[in-house]
Amino acid sequence: MFDQDALMELTDGDHELLQDLVETFLEGVPEHLRQIEEGLAAGDLEAVHRAAHALKGAVANFSAPGAFEAARALDDAARAGRAGELAPRFEELVAQLDKLGPALRSFAESR
């Protein structure tokens, strides 16, 4: 789901920093997803691109290839104007984040 060693290296083994990083990420995810949903509903591909791009950057901190790739694919489709790809790409992103969130929280709490 994500690279635990890379995350520990990123936080230099600091348990409190790890928990803060995870909580900040998890608190921000719903806002990014809301922005994407609003962009999709309005047909605003630029808004989808901006929110997906920001989420892609946030996910990159966790070396989580599934969620990163899903965010990248949504970002790329929005930027390229491939509107027909957006809904399935968004669904995949949500599915990946639904798995990543609990895994990150569990890992942070176990340290």
PDB file of N, CA and C in Angstrom:
ATOM      1  N   MET A   1       0.828  -1.195   0.000  1.00  0.00           N
ATOM      2  CA  MET A   1       0.000   0.000   0.000  1.00  0.00           C
ATOM      3  C   MET A   1       0.871   1.257   0.000  1.00  0.00           C
ATOM      4  N   PHE A   2       1.910   1.274   0.849  1.00  0.00           N
ATOM      5  CA  PHE A   2       2.847   2.387   0.891  1.00  0.00           C
ATOM      6  C   PHE A   2       4.179   1.866   1.432  1.00  0.00           C
ATOM      7  N   ASP A   3       5.231   2.614   1.194  1.00  0.00           N
ATOM      8  CA  ASP A   3       6.576   2.208   1.602  1.00  0.00           C
ATOM      9  C   ASP A   3       6.825   2.682   3.038  1.00  0.00           C
ATOM     10  N   GLN A   4       6.727   1.758   3.974  1.00  0.00           N
ATOM     11  CA  GLN A   4       6.889   2.092   5.388  1.00  0.00           C
ATOM     12  C   GLN A   4       8.294   2.596   5.683  1.00  0.00           C
ATOM     13  N   ASP A   5       9.288   1.983   5.074  1.00  0.00           N
ATOM     14  CA  ASP A   5      10.669   2.411   5.313  1.00  0.00           C
ATOM     15  C   ASP A   5      10.891   3.834   4.824  1.00  0.00           C
ATOM     16  N   ALA A   6      10.353   4.157   3.648  1.00  0.00           N
ATOM     17  CA  ALA A   6      10.501   5.510   3.112  1.00  0.00           C
ATOM     18  C   ALA A   6       9.809   6.524   4.015  1.00  0.00           C
ATOM     19  N   LEU A   7       8.659   6.152   4.555  1.00  0.00           N
ATOM     20  CA  LEU A   7       7.931   7.054   5.448  1.00  0.00           C
ATOM     21  C   LEU A   7       8.699   7.266   6.743  1.00  0.00           C
ATOM     22  N   MET A   8       9.291   6.217   7.271  1.00  0.00           N
ATOM     23  CA  MET A   8      10.091   6.356   8.485  1.00  0.00           C
ATOM     24  C   MET A   8      11.336   7.210   8.210  1.00  0.00           C
ATOM     25  N   GLU A   9      11.914   7.054   7.024  1.00  0.00           N
ATOM     26  CA  GLU A   9      13.072   7.868   6.666  1.00  0.00           C
ATOM     27  C   GLU A   9      12.660   9.333   6.501  1.00  0.00           C
ATOM     28  N   LEU A  10      11.524   9.564   5.881  1.00  0.00           N
ATOM     29  CA  LEU A  10      11.024  10.921   5.686  1.00  0.00           C
ATOM     30  C   LEU A  10      10.848  11.640   7.020  1.00  0.00           C
ATOM     31  N   THR A  11      10.370  10.929   8.018  1.00  0.00           N
ATOM     32  CA  THR A  11      10.118  11.527   9.327  1.00  0.00           C
ATOM     33  C   THR A  11      11.299  11.336  10.277  1.00  0.00           C
ATOM     34  N   ASP A  12      12.362  10.757   9.774  1.00  0.00           N
ATOM     35  CA  ASP A  12      13.569  10.509  10.572  1.00  0.00           C
ATOM     36  C   ASP A  12      13.232   9.727  11.842  1.00  0.00           C
ATOM     37  N   GLY A  13      12.243   8.842  11.728  1.00  0.00           N
ATOM     38  CA  GLY A  13      11.846   8.007  12.859  1.00  0.00           C
ATOM     39  C   GLY A  13      11.106   8.740  13.961  1.00  0.00           C
ATOM     40  N   ASP A  14      10.745   9.979  13.723  1.00  0.00           N
ATOM     41  CA  ASP A  14      10.058  10.806  14.725  1.00  0.00           C
ATOM     42  C   ASP A  14       8.577  10.432  14.753  1.00  0.00           C
ATOM     43  N   HIS A  15       8.176   9.757  15.815  1.00  0.00           N
ATOM     44  CA  HIS A  15       6.805   9.264  15.949  1.00  0.00           C
ATOM     45  C   HIS A  15       5.787  10.396  15.878  1.00  0.00           C
ATOM     46  N   GLU A  16       6.050  11.488  16.570  1.00  0.00           N
ATOM     47  CA  GLU A  16       5.107  12.605  16.589  1.00  0.00           C
ATOM     48  C   GLU A  16       4.976  13.238  15.207  1.00  0.00           C
ATOM     49  N   LEU A  17       6.090  13.407  14.526  1.00  0.00           N
ATOM     50  CA  LEU A  17       6.060  13.956  13.170  1.00  0.00           C
ATOM     51  C   LEU A  17       5.301  13.027  12.229  1.00  0.00           C
ATOM     52  N   LEU A  18       5.523  11.741  12.372  1.00  0.00           N
ATOM     53  CA  LEU A  18       4.811  10.749  11.563  1.00  0.00           C
ATOM     54  C   LEU A  18       3.306  10.885  11.758  1.00  0.00           C
ATOM     55  N   GLN A  19       2.883  10.934  13.004  1.00  0.00           N
ATOM     56  CA  GLN A  19       1.453  11.068  13.285  1.00  0.00           C
ATOM     57  C   GLN A  19       0.897  12.380  12.732  1.00  0.00           C
ATOM     58  N   ASP A  20       1.642  13.466  12.886  1.00  0.00           N
ATOM     59  CA  ASP A  20       1.194  14.761  12.368  1.00  0.00           C
ATOM     60  C   ASP A  20       1.074  14.733  10.847  1.00  0.00           C
ATOM     61  N   LEU A  21       2.052  14.149  10.188  1.00  0.00           N
ATOM     62  CA  LEU A  21       2.042  14.068   8.729  1.00  0.00           C
ATOM     63  C   LEU A  21       0.836  13.275   8.236  1.00  0.00           C
ATOM     64  N   VAL A  22       0.602  12.139   8.865  1.00  0.00           N
ATOM     65  CA  VAL A  22      -0.524  11.292   8.475  1.00  0.00           C
ATOM     66  C   VAL A  22      -1.844  12.007   8.737  1.00  0.00           C
ATOM     67  N   GLU A  23      -1.998  12.591   9.916  1.00  0.00           N
ATOM     68  CA  GLU A  23      -3.259  13.268  10.243  1.00  0.00           C
ATOM     69  C   GLU A  23      -3.515  14.463   9.331  1.00  0.00           C
ATOM     70  N   THR A  24      -2.480  15.232   9.041  1.00  0.00           N
ATOM     71  CA  THR A  24      -2.643  16.377   8.141  1.00  0.00           C
ATOM     72  C   THR A  24      -3.085  15.908   6.764  1.00  0.00           C
ATOM     73  N   PHE A  25      -2.475  14.846   6.279  1.00  0.00           N
ATOM     74  CA  PHE A  25      -2.864  14.287   4.988  1.00  0.00           C
ATOM     75  C   PHE A  25      -4.318  13.834   5.012  1.00  0.00           C
ATOM     76  N   LEU A  26      -4.670  13.040   6.026  1.00  0.00           N
ATOM     77  CA  LEU A  26      -6.021  12.481   6.091  1.00  0.00           C
ATOM     78  C   LEU A  26      -7.079  13.572   6.264  1.00  0.00           C
ATOM     79  N   GLU A  27      -6.744  14.634   6.968  1.00  0.00           N
ATOM     80  CA  GLU A  27      -7.691  15.741   7.123  1.00  0.00           C
ATOM     81  C   GLU A  27      -7.875  16.506   5.815  1.00  0.00           C
ATOM     82  N   GLY A  28      -6.856  16.532   4.964  1.00  0.00           N
ATOM     83  CA  GLY A  28      -6.933  17.266   3.709  1.00  0.00           C
ATOM     84  C   GLY A  28      -7.594  16.511   2.574  1.00  0.00           C
ATOM     85  N   VAL A  29      -7.597  15.186   2.649  1.00  0.00           N
ATOM     86  CA  VAL A  29      -8.153  14.377   1.564  1.00  0.00           C
ATOM     87  C   VAL A  29      -9.605  14.730   1.246  1.00  0.00           C
ATOM     88  N   PRO A  30     -10.494  14.835   2.228  1.00  0.00           N
ATOM     89  CA  PRO A  30     -11.891  15.136   1.883  1.00  0.00           C
ATOM     90  C   PRO A  30     -12.058  16.449   1.110  1.00  0.00           C
ATOM     91  N   GLU A  31     -11.265  17.455   1.432  1.00  0.00           N
ATOM     92  CA  GLU A  31     -11.369  18.732   0.718  1.00  0.00           C
ATOM     93  C   GLU A  31     -10.911  18.582  -0.732  1.00  0.00           C
ATOM     94  N   HIS A  32      -9.832  17.862  -0.952  1.00  0.00           N
ATOM     95  CA  HIS A  32      -9.380  17.622  -2.330  1.00  0.00           C
ATOM     96  C   HIS A  32     -10.444  16.860  -3.113  1.00  0.00           C
ATOM     97  N   LEU A  33     -11.019  15.837  -2.497  1.00  0.00           N
ATOM     98  CA  LEU A  33     -12.039  15.051  -3.179  1.00  0.00           C
ATOM     99  C   LEU A  33     -13.281  15.891  -3.462  1.00  0.00           C
ATOM    100  N   ARG A  34     -13.642  16.760  -2.527  1.00  0.00           N
ATOM    101  CA  ARG A  34     -14.790  17.648  -2.741  1.00  0.00           C
ATOM    102  C   ARG A  34     -14.525  18.569  -3.931  1.00  0.00           C
ATOM    103  N   GLN A  35     -13.321  19.114  -4.005  1.00  0.00           N
ATOM    104  CA  GLN A  35     -12.973  19.993  -5.119  1.00  0.00           C
ATOM    105  C   GLN A  35     -13.034  19.250  -6.450  1.00  0.00           C
ATOM    106  N   ILE A  36     -12.571  18.013  -6.459  1.00  0.00           N
ATOM    107  CA  ILE A  36     -12.639  17.212  -7.679  1.00  0.00           C
ATOM    108  C   ILE A  36     -14.094  16.949  -8.059  1.00  0.00           C
ATOM    109  N   GLU A  37     -14.902  16.549  -7.078  1.00  0.00           N
ATOM    110  CA  GLU A  37     -16.323  16.284  -7.355  1.00  0.00           C
ATOM    111  C   GLU A  37     -17.018  17.523  -7.899  1.00  0.00           C
ATOM    112  N   GLU A  38     -16.752  18.666  -7.311  1.00  0.00           N
ATOM    113  CA  GLU A  38     -17.362  19.902  -7.795  1.00  0.00           C
ATOM    114  C   GLU A  38     -16.900  20.220  -9.213  1.00  0.00           C
ATOM    115  N   GLY A  39     -15.615  20.016  -9.476  1.00  0.00           N
ATOM    116  CA  GLY A  39     -15.100  20.232 -10.820  1.00  0.00           C
ATOM    117  C   GLY A  39     -15.739  19.294 -11.828  1.00  0.00           C
ATOM    118  N   LEU A  40     -15.899  18.040 -11.441  1.00  0.00           N
ATOM    119  CA  LEU A  40     -16.551  17.078 -12.326  1.00  0.00           C
ATOM    120  C   LEU A  40     -17.996  17.488 -12.609  1.00  0.00           C
ATOM    121  N   ALA A  41     -18.715  17.874 -11.571  1.00  0.00           N
ATOM    122  CA  ALA A  41     -20.120  18.254 -11.724  1.00  0.00           C
ATOM    123  C   ALA A  41     -20.275  19.486 -12.608  1.00  0.00           C
ATOM    124  N   ALA A  42     -19.321  20.398 -12.528  1.00  0.00           N
ATOM    125  CA  ALA A  42     -19.393  21.641 -13.302  1.00  0.00           C
ATOM    126  C   ALA A  42     -18.727  21.520 -14.673  1.00  0.00           C
ATOM    127  N   GLY A  43     -18.092  20.381 -14.929  1.00  0.00           N
ATOM    128  CA  GLY A  43     -17.355  20.230 -16.176  1.00  0.00           C
ATOM    129  C   GLY A  43     -16.109  21.108 -16.219  1.00  0.00           C
ATOM    130  N   ASP A  44     -15.597  21.447 -15.052  1.00  0.00           N
ATOM    131  CA  ASP A  44     -14.434  22.321 -14.927  1.00  0.00           C
ATOM    132  C   ASP A  44     -13.174  21.457 -14.827  1.00  0.00           C
ATOM    133  N   LEU A  45     -12.601  21.131 -15.973  1.00  0.00           N
ATOM    134  CA  LEU A  45     -11.429  20.263 -15.999  1.00  0.00           C
ATOM    135  C   LEU A  45     -10.220  20.907 -15.344  1.00  0.00           C
ATOM    136  N   GLU A  46     -10.127  22.220 -15.383  1.00  0.00           N
ATOM    137  CA  GLU A  46      -9.006  22.908 -14.725  1.00  0.00           C
ATOM    138  C   GLU A  46      -9.087  22.716 -13.209  1.00  0.00           C
ATOM    139  N   ALA A  47     -10.290  22.796 -12.654  1.00  0.00           N
ATOM    140  CA  ALA A  47     -10.461  22.580 -11.209  1.00  0.00           C
ATOM    141  C   ALA A  47     -10.126  21.137 -10.840  1.00  0.00           C
ATOM    142  N   VAL A  48     -10.538  20.199 -11.680  1.00  0.00           N
ATOM    143  CA  VAL A  48     -10.209  18.786 -11.434  1.00  0.00           C
ATOM    144  C   VAL A  48      -8.694  18.612 -11.479  1.00  0.00           C
ATOM    145  N   HIS A  49      -8.074  19.187 -12.482  1.00  0.00           N
ATOM    146  CA  HIS A  49      -6.616  19.103 -12.622  1.00  0.00           C
ATOM    147  C   HIS A  49      -5.915  19.664 -11.378  1.00  0.00           C
ATOM    148  N   ARG A  50      -6.300  20.851 -10.953  1.00  0.00           N
ATOM    149  CA  ARG A  50      -5.635  21.477  -9.795  1.00  0.00           C
ATOM    150  C   ARG A  50      -5.756  20.612  -8.543  1.00  0.00           C
ATOM    151  N   ALA A  51      -6.961  20.134  -8.263  1.00  0.00           N
ATOM    152  CA  ALA A  51      -7.169  19.337  -7.049  1.00  0.00           C
ATOM    153  C   ALA A  51      -6.475  17.981  -7.141  1.00  0.00           C
ATOM    154  N   ALA A  52      -6.538  17.348  -8.302  1.00  0.00           N
ATOM    155  CA  ALA A  52      -5.876  16.047  -8.471  1.00  0.00           C
ATOM    156  C   ALA A  52      -4.363  16.211  -8.385  1.00  0.00           C
ATOM    157  N   HIS A  53      -3.858  17.286  -8.944  1.00  0.00           N
ATOM    158  CA  HIS A  53      -2.420  17.548  -8.901  1.00  0.00           C
ATOM    159  C   HIS A  53      -1.952  17.754  -7.453  1.00  0.00           C
ATOM    160  N   ALA A  54      -2.706  18.515  -6.694  1.00  0.00           N
ATOM    161  CA  ALA A  54      -2.364  18.740  -5.287  1.00  0.00           C
ATOM    162  C   ALA A  54      -2.414  17.432  -4.501  1.00  0.00           C
ATOM    163  N   LEU A  55      -3.419  16.630  -4.765  1.00  0.00           N
ATOM    164  CA  LEU A  55      -3.552  15.353  -4.072  1.00  0.00           C
ATOM    165  C   LEU A  55      -2.415  14.408  -4.468  1.00  0.00           C
ATOM    166  N   LYS A  56      -2.037  14.445  -5.720  1.00  0.00           N
ATOM    167  CA  LYS A  56      -0.917  13.623  -6.193  1.00  0.00           C
ATOM    168  C   LYS A  56       0.352  13.975  -5.420  1.00  0.00           C
ATOM    169  N   GLY A  57       0.595  15.250  -5.220  1.00  0.00           N
ATOM    170  CA  GLY A  57       1.762  15.678  -4.465  1.00  0.00           C
ATOM    171  C   GLY A  57       1.709  15.223  -3.021  1.00  0.00           C
ATOM    172  N   ALA A  58       0.533  15.304  -2.426  1.00  0.00           N
ATOM    173  CA  ALA A  58       0.383  14.881  -1.031  1.00  0.00           C
ATOM    174  C   ALA A  58       0.599  13.378  -0.897  1.00  0.00           C
ATOM    175  N   VAL A  59       0.065  12.610  -1.827  1.00  0.00           N
ATOM    176  CA  VAL A  59       0.208  11.151  -1.795  1.00  0.00           C
ATOM    177  C   VAL A  59       1.667  10.748  -2.003  1.00  0.00           C
ATOM    178  N   ALA A  60       2.392  11.528  -2.793  1.00  0.00           N
ATOM    179  CA  ALA A  60       3.795  11.196  -3.079  1.00  0.00           C
ATOM    180  C   ALA A  60       4.632  11.129  -1.807  1.00  0.00           C
ATOM    181  N   ASN A  61       4.267  11.891  -0.798  1.00  0.00           N
ATOM    182  CA  ASN A  61       5.005  11.859   0.470  1.00  0.00           C
ATOM    183  C   ASN A  61       5.017  10.481   1.108  1.00  0.00           C
ATOM    184  N   PHE A  62       4.029   9.666   0.771  1.00  0.00           N
ATOM    185  CA  PHE A  62       3.877   8.372   1.433  1.00  0.00           C
ATOM    186  C   PHE A  62       4.376   7.197   0.596  1.00  0.00           C
ATOM    187  N   SER A  63       4.942   7.493  -0.570  1.00  0.00           N
ATOM    188  CA  SER A  63       5.424   6.419  -1.450  1.00  0.00           C
ATOM    189  C   SER A  63       4.345   5.341  -1.587  1.00  0.00           C
ATOM    190  N   ALA A  64       3.149   5.809  -1.951  1.00  0.00           N
ATOM    191  CA  ALA A  64       1.993   4.932  -2.112  1.00  0.00           C
ATOM    192  C   ALA A  64       1.676   4.813  -3.604  1.00  0.00           C
ATOM    193  N   PRO A  65       2.243   3.818  -4.281  1.00  0.00           N
ATOM    194  CA  PRO A  65       2.149   3.772  -5.736  1.00  0.00           C
ATOM    195  C   PRO A  65       0.728   3.679  -6.286  1.00  0.00           C
ATOM    196  N   GLY A  66      -0.155   2.935  -5.648  1.00  0.00           N
ATOM    197  CA  GLY A  66      -1.517   2.803  -6.156  1.00  0.00           C
ATOM    198  C   GLY A  66      -2.263   4.127  -6.138  1.00  0.00           C
ATOM    199  N   ALA A  67      -2.230   4.807  -5.011  1.00  0.00           N
ATOM    200  CA  ALA A  67      -2.918   6.094  -4.887  1.00  0.00           C
ATOM    201  C   ALA A  67      -2.244   7.157  -5.740  1.00  0.00           C
ATOM    202  N   PHE A  68      -0.908   7.135  -5.792  1.00  0.00           N
ATOM    203  CA  PHE A  68      -0.187   8.107  -6.612  1.00  0.00           C
ATOM    204  C   PHE A  68      -0.555   7.938  -8.078  1.00  0.00           C
ATOM    205  N   GLU A  69      -0.546   6.703  -8.552  1.00  0.00           N
ATOM    206  CA  GLU A  69      -0.856   6.446  -9.962  1.00  0.00           C
ATOM    207  C   GLU A  69      -2.298   6.844 -10.287  1.00  0.00           C
ATOM    208  N   ALA A  70      -3.214   6.591  -9.371  1.00  0.00           N
ATOM    209  CA  ALA A  70      -4.614   6.974  -9.599  1.00  0.00           C
ATOM    210  C   ALA A  70      -4.754   8.485  -9.658  1.00  0.00           C
ATOM    211  N   ALA A  71      -4.077   9.201  -8.784  1.00  0.00           N
ATOM    212  CA  ALA A  71      -4.114  10.665  -8.807  1.00  0.00           C
ATOM    213  C   ALA A  71      -3.451  11.201 -10.066  1.00  0.00           C
ATOM    214  N   ARG A  72      -2.340  10.598 -10.461  1.00  0.00           N
ATOM    215  CA  ARG A  72      -1.641  11.015 -11.674  1.00  0.00           C
ATOM    216  C   ARG A  72      -2.512  10.814 -12.904  1.00  0.00           C
ATOM    217  N   ALA A  73      -3.184   9.669 -12.978  1.00  0.00           N
ATOM    218  CA  ALA A  73      -4.031   9.375 -14.132  1.00  0.00           C
ATOM    219  C   ALA A  73      -5.190  10.368 -14.232  1.00  0.00           C
ATOM    220  N   LEU A  74      -5.784  10.704 -13.095  1.00  0.00           N
ATOM    221  CA  LEU A  74      -6.874  11.683 -13.089  1.00  0.00           C
ATOM    222  C   LEU A  74      -6.345  13.056 -13.483  1.00  0.00           C
ATOM    223  N   ASP A  75      -5.229  13.440 -12.928  1.00  0.00           N
ATOM    224  CA  ASP A  75      -4.595  14.717 -13.249  1.00  0.00           C
ATOM    225  C   ASP A  75      -4.294  14.797 -14.746  1.00  0.00           C
ATOM    226  N   ASP A  76      -3.672  13.759 -15.286  1.00  0.00           N
ATOM    227  CA  ASP A  76      -3.323  13.743 -16.711  1.00  0.00           C
ATOM    228  C   ASP A  76      -4.559  13.834 -17.599  1.00  0.00           C
ATOM    229  N   ALA A  77      -5.599  13.077 -17.259  1.00  0.00           N
ATOM    230  CA  ALA A  77      -6.820  13.090 -18.072  1.00  0.00           C
ATOM    231  C   ALA A  77      -7.474  14.465 -18.047  1.00  0.00           C
ATOM    232  N   ALA A  78      -7.517  15.093 -16.881  1.00  0.00           N
ATOM    233  CA  ALA A  78      -8.118  16.426 -16.780  1.00  0.00           C
ATOM    234  C   ALA A  78      -7.306  17.443 -17.567  1.00  0.00           C
ATOM    235  N   ARG A  79      -5.994  17.382 -17.425  1.00  0.00           N
ATOM    236  CA  ARG A  79      -5.118  18.334 -18.109  1.00  0.00           C
ATOM    237  C   ARG A  79      -5.222  18.179 -19.624  1.00  0.00           C
ATOM    238  N   ALA A  80      -5.395  16.936 -20.088  1.00  0.00           N
ATOM    239  CA  ALA A  80      -5.478  16.662 -21.525  1.00  0.00           C
ATOM    240  C   ALA A  80      -6.892  16.856 -22.082  1.00  0.00           C
ATOM    241  N   GLY A  81      -7.858  17.139 -21.210  1.00  0.00           N
ATOM    242  CA  GLY A  81      -9.224  17.361 -21.673  1.00  0.00           C
ATOM    243  C   GLY A  81      -9.981  16.094 -22.024  1.00  0.00           C
ATOM    244  N   ARG A  82      -9.564  14.970 -21.459  1.00  0.00           N
ATOM    245  CA  ARG A  82     -10.237  13.697 -21.743  1.00  0.00           C
ATOM    246  C   ARG A  82     -11.372  13.483 -20.729  1.00  0.00           C
ATOM    247  N   ALA A  83     -12.429  14.237 -20.901  1.00  0.00           N
ATOM    248  CA  ALA A  83     -13.539  14.260 -19.942  1.00  0.00           C
ATOM    249  C   ALA A  83     -14.162  12.885 -19.722  1.00  0.00           C
ATOM    250  N   GLY A  84     -14.199  12.061 -20.734  1.00  0.00           N
ATOM    251  CA  GLY A  84     -14.804  10.739 -20.618  1.00  0.00           C
ATOM    252  C   GLY A  84     -14.054   9.805 -19.681  1.00  0.00           C
ATOM    253  N   GLU A  85     -12.810  10.109 -19.402  1.00  0.00           N
ATOM    254  CA  GLU A  85     -12.006   9.270 -18.510  1.00  0.00           C
ATOM    255  C   GLU A  85     -12.113   9.685 -17.046  1.00  0.00           C
ATOM    256  N   LEU A  86     -12.656  10.863 -16.788  1.00  0.00           N
ATOM    257  CA  LEU A  86     -12.570  11.429 -15.446  1.00  0.00           C
ATOM    258  C   LEU A  86     -13.332  10.638 -14.388  1.00  0.00           C
ATOM    259  N   ALA A  87     -14.568  10.258 -14.672  1.00  0.00           N
ATOM    260  CA  ALA A  87     -15.363   9.551 -13.657  1.00  0.00           C
ATOM    261  C   ALA A  87     -14.711   8.234 -13.232  1.00  0.00           C
ATOM    262  N   PRO A  88     -14.301   7.366 -14.173  1.00  0.00           N
ATOM    263  CA  PRO A  88     -13.656   6.123 -13.714  1.00  0.00           C
ATOM    264  C   PRO A  88     -12.321   6.361 -13.028  1.00  0.00           C
ATOM    265  N   ARG A  89     -11.592   7.363 -13.474  1.00  0.00           N
ATOM    266  CA  ARG A  89     -10.311   7.679 -12.827  1.00  0.00           C
ATOM    267  C   ARG A  89     -10.551   8.177 -11.397  1.00  0.00           C
ATOM    268  N   PHE A  90     -11.593   8.974 -11.219  1.00  0.00           N
ATOM    269  CA  PHE A  90     -11.934   9.466  -9.890  1.00  0.00           C
ATOM    270  C   PHE A  90     -12.343   8.309  -8.981  1.00  0.00           C
ATOM    271  N   GLU A  91     -13.148   7.388  -9.508  1.00  0.00           N
ATOM    272  CA  GLU A  91     -13.568   6.228  -8.719  1.00  0.00           C
ATOM    273  C   GLU A  91     -12.359   5.408  -8.269  1.00  0.00           C
ATOM    274  N   GLU A  92     -11.386   5.243  -9.151  1.00  0.00           N
ATOM    275  CA  GLU A  92     -10.183   4.498  -8.793  1.00  0.00           C
ATOM    276  C   GLU A  92      -9.392   5.228  -7.720  1.00  0.00           C
ATOM    277  N   LEU A  93      -9.299   6.541  -7.842  1.00  0.00           N
ATOM    278  CA  LEU A  93      -8.598   7.332  -6.835  1.00  0.00           C
ATOM    279  C   LEU A  93      -9.264   7.182  -5.475  1.00  0.00           C
ATOM    280  N   VAL A  94     -10.569   7.287  -5.432  1.00  0.00           N
ATOM    281  CA  VAL A  94     -11.295   7.142  -4.170  1.00  0.00           C
ATOM    282  C   VAL A  94     -11.058   5.747  -3.583  1.00  0.00           C
ATOM    283  N   ALA A  95     -11.096   4.718  -4.419  1.00  0.00           N
ATOM    284  CA  ALA A  95     -10.873   3.349  -3.942  1.00  0.00           C
ATOM    285  C   ALA A  95      -9.467   3.207  -3.351  1.00  0.00           C
ATOM    286  N   GLN A  96      -8.486   3.790  -4.008  1.00  0.00           N
ATOM    287  CA  GLN A  96      -7.111   3.714  -3.504  1.00  0.00           C
ATOM    288  C   GLN A  96      -6.968   4.461  -2.179  1.00  0.00           C
ATOM    289  N   LEU A  97      -7.571   5.631  -2.100  1.00  0.00           N
ATOM    290  CA  LEU A  97      -7.487   6.418  -0.862  1.00  0.00           C
ATOM    291  C   LEU A  97      -8.242   5.742   0.275  1.00  0.00           C
ATOM    292  N   ASP A  98      -9.330   5.055  -0.046  1.00  0.00           N
ATOM    293  CA  ASP A  98     -10.086   4.329   0.978  1.00  0.00           C
ATOM    294  C   ASP A  98      -9.251   3.208   1.597  1.00  0.00           C
ATOM    295  N   LYS A  99      -8.300   2.674   0.846  1.00  0.00           N
ATOM    296  CA  LYS A  99      -7.400   1.648   1.374  1.00  0.00           C
ATOM    297  C   LYS A  99      -6.193   2.289   2.078  1.00  0.00           C
ATOM    298  N   LEU A 100      -5.685   3.356   1.477  1.00  0.00           N
ATOM    299  CA  LEU A 100      -4.479   3.986   2.001  1.00  0.00           C
ATOM    300  C   LEU A 100      -4.718   4.633   3.367  1.00  0.00           C
ATOM    301  N   GLY A 101      -5.814   5.335   3.523  1.00  0.00           N
ATOM    302  CA  GLY A 101      -6.085   6.050   4.769  1.00  0.00           C
ATOM    303  C   GLY A 101      -5.992   5.170   6.004  1.00  0.00           C
ATOM    304  N   PRO A 102      -6.757   4.078   6.052  1.00  0.00           N
ATOM    305  CA  PRO A 102      -6.678   3.211   7.239  1.00  0.00           C
ATOM    306  C   PRO A 102      -5.289   2.585   7.424  1.00  0.00           C
ATOM    307  N   ALA A 103      -4.614   2.258   6.328  1.00  0.00           N
ATOM    308  CA  ALA A 103      -3.277   1.666   6.443  1.00  0.00           C
ATOM    309  C   ALA A 103      -2.299   2.679   7.049  1.00  0.00           C
ATOM    310  N   LEU A 104      -2.377   3.916   6.606  1.00  0.00           N
ATOM    311  CA  LEU A 104      -1.498   4.956   7.164  1.00  0.00           C
ATOM    312  C   LEU A 104      -1.808   5.194   8.630  1.00  0.00           C
ATOM    313  N   ARG A 105      -3.082   5.311   8.946  1.00  0.00           N
ATOM    314  CA  ARG A 105      -3.469   5.570  10.338  1.00  0.00           C
ATOM    315  C   ARG A 105      -2.999   4.427  11.233  1.00  0.00           C
ATOM    316  N   SER A 106      -3.209   3.221  10.813  1.00  0.00           N
ATOM    317  CA  SER A 106      -2.792   2.051  11.603  1.00  0.00           C
ATOM    318  C   SER A 106      -1.284   2.045  11.795  1.00  0.00           C
ATOM    319  N   PHE A 107      -0.540   2.330  10.749  1.00  0.00           N
ATOM    320  CA  PHE A 107       0.917   2.357  10.840  1.00  0.00           C
ATOM    321  C   PHE A 107       1.371   3.451  11.804  1.00  0.00           C
ATOM    322  N   ALA A 108       0.809   4.639  11.667  1.00  0.00           N
ATOM    323  CA  ALA A 108       1.200   5.763  12.536  1.00  0.00           C
ATOM    324  C   ALA A 108       0.887   5.471  13.999  1.00  0.00           C
ATOM    325  N   GLU A 109      -0.237   4.837  14.238  1.00  0.00           N
ATOM    326  CA  GLU A 109      -0.635   4.550  15.622  1.00  0.00           C
ATOM    327  C   GLU A 109       0.202   3.431  16.233  1.00  0.00           C
ATOM    328  N   SER A 110       0.756   2.581  15.394  1.00  0.00           N
ATOM    329  CA  SER A 110       1.538   1.447  15.907  1.00  0.00           C
ATOM    330  C   SER A 110       2.976   1.836  16.225  1.00  0.00           C
ATOM    331  N   ARG A 111       3.386   3.028  15.874  1.00  0.00           N
ATOM    332  CA  ARG A 111       4.782   3.459  16.092  1.00  0.00           C
ATOM    333  C   ARG A 111       4.924   4.179  17.399  1.00  0.00           C
TER     334      ARG A 111
END
